[in-house]
Every structure is written in C-alpha cells, then in structure tokens.
C-alpha cells in the first residue's frame, strides 16, 4: 500500500525491520490486496463487534512517533485532489496476516477493521507447524 518513497520512510522509522521483504501496491484499485482477499472498510457490514486488540508494547515515545508520521505515510496518491471530509480508498484498505510455507498458505486472516488482528499465538503456531 502506498508508494515506494513511503515504504523507504517506513523502514527509516522502523530500523528493527531492516532487511525484511516488502512490496508496494501502488495500483489505483489495489489489485494485489484484492487478490489476497483483502477489502476496504465498509465493504461488509459487521454482524458483531470485531476482536479488536490495541497494541500493548508501544510506549508514549513510540505512539508520538507513530501519530506524527501517520499523515506522511498514509496511502494517498501524490496527485490526489480530495475535498475536505473525503477519505481516499487507500486509507480504507484493510490488512491481513499470512503464514507461508513455500507456496502453501498455512495461515490466513483478513482484518474486519483496522486493529482486528489475529491472535499472535495462532500465528506463531502456524509458523511452528
């Protein structure tokens, strides 16, 4: 999601992720995200509240750093012309968590809303399998 310059900035801000593989889907319709089964906030109506897990390991300094860079890293095209109150589709794209073993997907979770991530123990179990 976003642009290559934003991905570079993200890695600068998160040096603990140095060397991690990453790709950017800068297509107008987010084809890579759609192909992975991910959607946009509001695509589906929730039947019950999602299992929302706010971060627990971020101290005040990390939160401030996160909030200060949110606008710069938001997946909005450089040439976007939005009116006040409009939310670009890139901001509405939901994430997911996958565990791959070669070509096989051994764990798959699509977020219903931002922060509705899978249980970390389930992800780690899939890694150990």
Protein backbone atom coordinates (compact mmCIF):
# COMPACT_ATOMS: atom_id res chain seq x y z
CA UNK A 1 0.00 0.00 0.00
CA UNK A 2 1.23 3.45 -0.72
CA UNK A 3 4.29 4.48 -2.68
CA UNK A 4 7.90 3.34 -2.77
CA UNK A 5 9.08 6.59 -1.13
CA UNK A 6 6.66 5.94 1.75
CA UNK A 7 7.94 2.39 2.16
CA UNK A 8 11.51 3.72 2.33
CA UNK A 9 10.44 6.23 5.00
CA UNK A 10 8.62 3.46 6.92
CA UNK A 11 11.86 1.43 7.06
CA UNK A 12 13.81 4.53 8.16
CA UNK A 13 11.33 4.99 11.01
CA UNK A 14 11.42 1.30 11.94
CA UNK A 15 15.08 0.21 11.74
CA UNK A 16 14.22 -3.01 13.61
CA UNK A 17 12.60 -4.16 10.36
CA UNK A 18 15.75 -3.70 8.27
CA UNK A 19 16.19 -6.49 5.74
CA UNK A 20 12.52 -7.51 5.76
CA UNK A 21 10.97 -8.23 2.38
CA UNK A 22 8.29 -5.74 1.38
CA UNK A 23 6.37 -4.73 -1.70
CA UNK A 24 4.22 -1.73 -2.56
CA UNK A 25 0.87 -1.97 -4.32
CA UNK A 26 0.51 1.47 -5.88
CA UNK A 27 -2.16 0.45 -8.39
CA UNK A 28 -5.29 2.63 -8.36
CA UNK A 29 -7.56 -0.30 -7.43
CA UNK A 30 -5.16 -2.16 -5.10
CA UNK A 31 -5.07 -5.30 -7.25
CA UNK A 32 -2.54 -7.14 -5.05
CA UNK A 33 -4.60 -6.51 -1.92
CA UNK A 34 -7.81 -7.57 -3.65
CA UNK A 35 -6.12 -10.73 -4.97
CA UNK A 36 -5.12 -11.58 -1.39
CA UNK A 37 -8.78 -11.38 -0.34
CA UNK A 38 -8.48 -8.03 1.42
CA UNK A 39 -11.15 -5.37 1.18
CA UNK A 40 -11.98 -1.84 2.20
CA UNK A 41 -13.54 -0.63 5.43
CA UNK A 42 -17.26 -0.54 4.81
CA UNK A 43 -17.29 -3.31 2.17
CA UNK A 44 -19.08 -5.64 4.55
CA UNK A 45 -21.50 -5.00 7.37
CA UNK A 46 -20.28 -6.34 10.70
CA UNK A 47 -22.69 -8.69 12.49
CA UNK A 48 -20.91 -8.30 15.82
CA UNK A 49 -18.09 -6.18 17.25
CA UNK A 50 -14.68 -7.27 15.91
CA UNK A 51 -11.99 -8.77 18.12
CA UNK A 52 -10.00 -5.54 18.41
CA UNK A 53 -6.54 -5.77 20.00
CA UNK A 54 -4.82 -2.44 20.53
CA UNK A 55 -1.02 -2.52 20.66
CA UNK A 56 0.36 -3.24 24.11
CA UNK A 57 4.09 -2.77 23.61
CA UNK A 58 4.21 0.84 22.41
CA UNK A 59 5.31 3.39 24.96
CA UNK A 60 4.48 7.12 24.79
CA UNK A 61 7.51 7.95 22.60
CA UNK A 62 6.63 5.26 20.02
CA UNK A 63 2.97 6.39 19.98
CA UNK A 64 4.01 10.01 19.38
CA UNK A 65 6.35 8.94 16.58
CA UNK A 66 3.56 6.83 15.06
CA UNK A 67 1.00 9.64 15.15
CA UNK A 68 3.46 12.22 13.81
CA UNK A 69 4.15 10.08 10.73
CA UNK A 70 0.61 8.87 10.03
CA UNK A 71 -0.17 11.62 7.53
CA UNK A 72 3.16 11.26 5.68
CA UNK A 73 2.75 7.50 5.36
CA UNK A 74 -0.97 7.44 4.52
CA UNK A 75 -1.54 5.61 1.23
CA UNK A 76 -2.72 8.62 -0.76
CA UNK A 77 -1.53 9.19 -4.34
CA UNK A 78 0.79 12.21 -4.71
CA UNK A 79 -1.50 13.83 -7.29
CA UNK A 80 -4.68 13.25 -5.26
CA UNK A 81 -7.20 16.07 -5.17
CA UNK A 82 -9.56 15.36 -2.29
CA UNK A 83 -12.16 17.63 -0.77
CA UNK A 84 -12.43 18.14 2.98
CA UNK A 85 -14.13 15.13 4.58
CA UNK A 86 -13.37 12.71 1.73
CA UNK A 87 -11.50 9.57 2.69
CA UNK A 88 -9.20 8.16 0.00
CA UNK A 89 -9.67 4.45 -0.75
CA UNK A 90 -6.03 3.80 0.16
CA UNK A 91 -6.77 4.79 3.75
CA UNK A 92 -9.73 2.39 3.82
CA UNK A 93 -7.78 -0.70 2.68
CA UNK A 94 -7.73 -3.38 5.37
CA UNK A 95 -4.76 -5.56 6.17
CA UNK A 96 -4.23 -9.22 6.78
CA UNK A 97 -1.81 -11.73 8.23
CA UNK A 98 -0.48 -14.71 6.31
CA UNK A 99 1.96 -17.51 7.07
CA UNK A 100 3.50 -19.15 4.02
CA UNK A 101 5.33 -22.46 3.78
CA UNK A 102 6.83 -22.46 0.32
CA UNK A 103 3.88 -21.96 -2.00
CA UNK A 104 1.31 -23.07 0.60
CA UNK A 105 -0.67 -20.63 2.73
CA UNK A 106 -0.77 -22.29 6.16
CA UNK A 107 -2.47 -19.39 7.97
CA UNK A 108 -4.71 -16.64 6.63
CA UNK A 109 -6.54 -13.85 8.41
CA UNK A 110 -8.22 -10.82 6.86
CA UNK A 111 -8.84 -7.88 9.22
CA UNK A 112 -12.52 -6.86 9.51
CA UNK A 113 -11.49 -3.39 10.74
CA UNK A 114 -8.09 -1.84 11.50
CA UNK A 115 -6.66 -3.47 14.61
CA UNK A 116 -8.79 -6.62 14.38
CA UNK A 117 -5.68 -8.75 14.04
CA UNK A 118 -5.38 -12.49 14.69
CA UNK A 119 -4.28 -13.96 17.98
CA UNK A 120 -0.47 -13.97 17.95
CA UNK A 121 -0.34 -17.48 19.45
CA UNK A 122 -2.33 -18.79 16.46
CA UNK A 123 0.10 -17.13 14.05
CA UNK A 124 3.12 -18.49 15.93
CA UNK A 125 1.55 -21.98 15.98
CA UNK A 126 1.17 -21.82 12.21
CA UNK A 127 4.84 -20.85 11.93
CA UNK A 128 5.86 -23.87 14.01
CA UNK A 129 3.67 -26.30 12.07
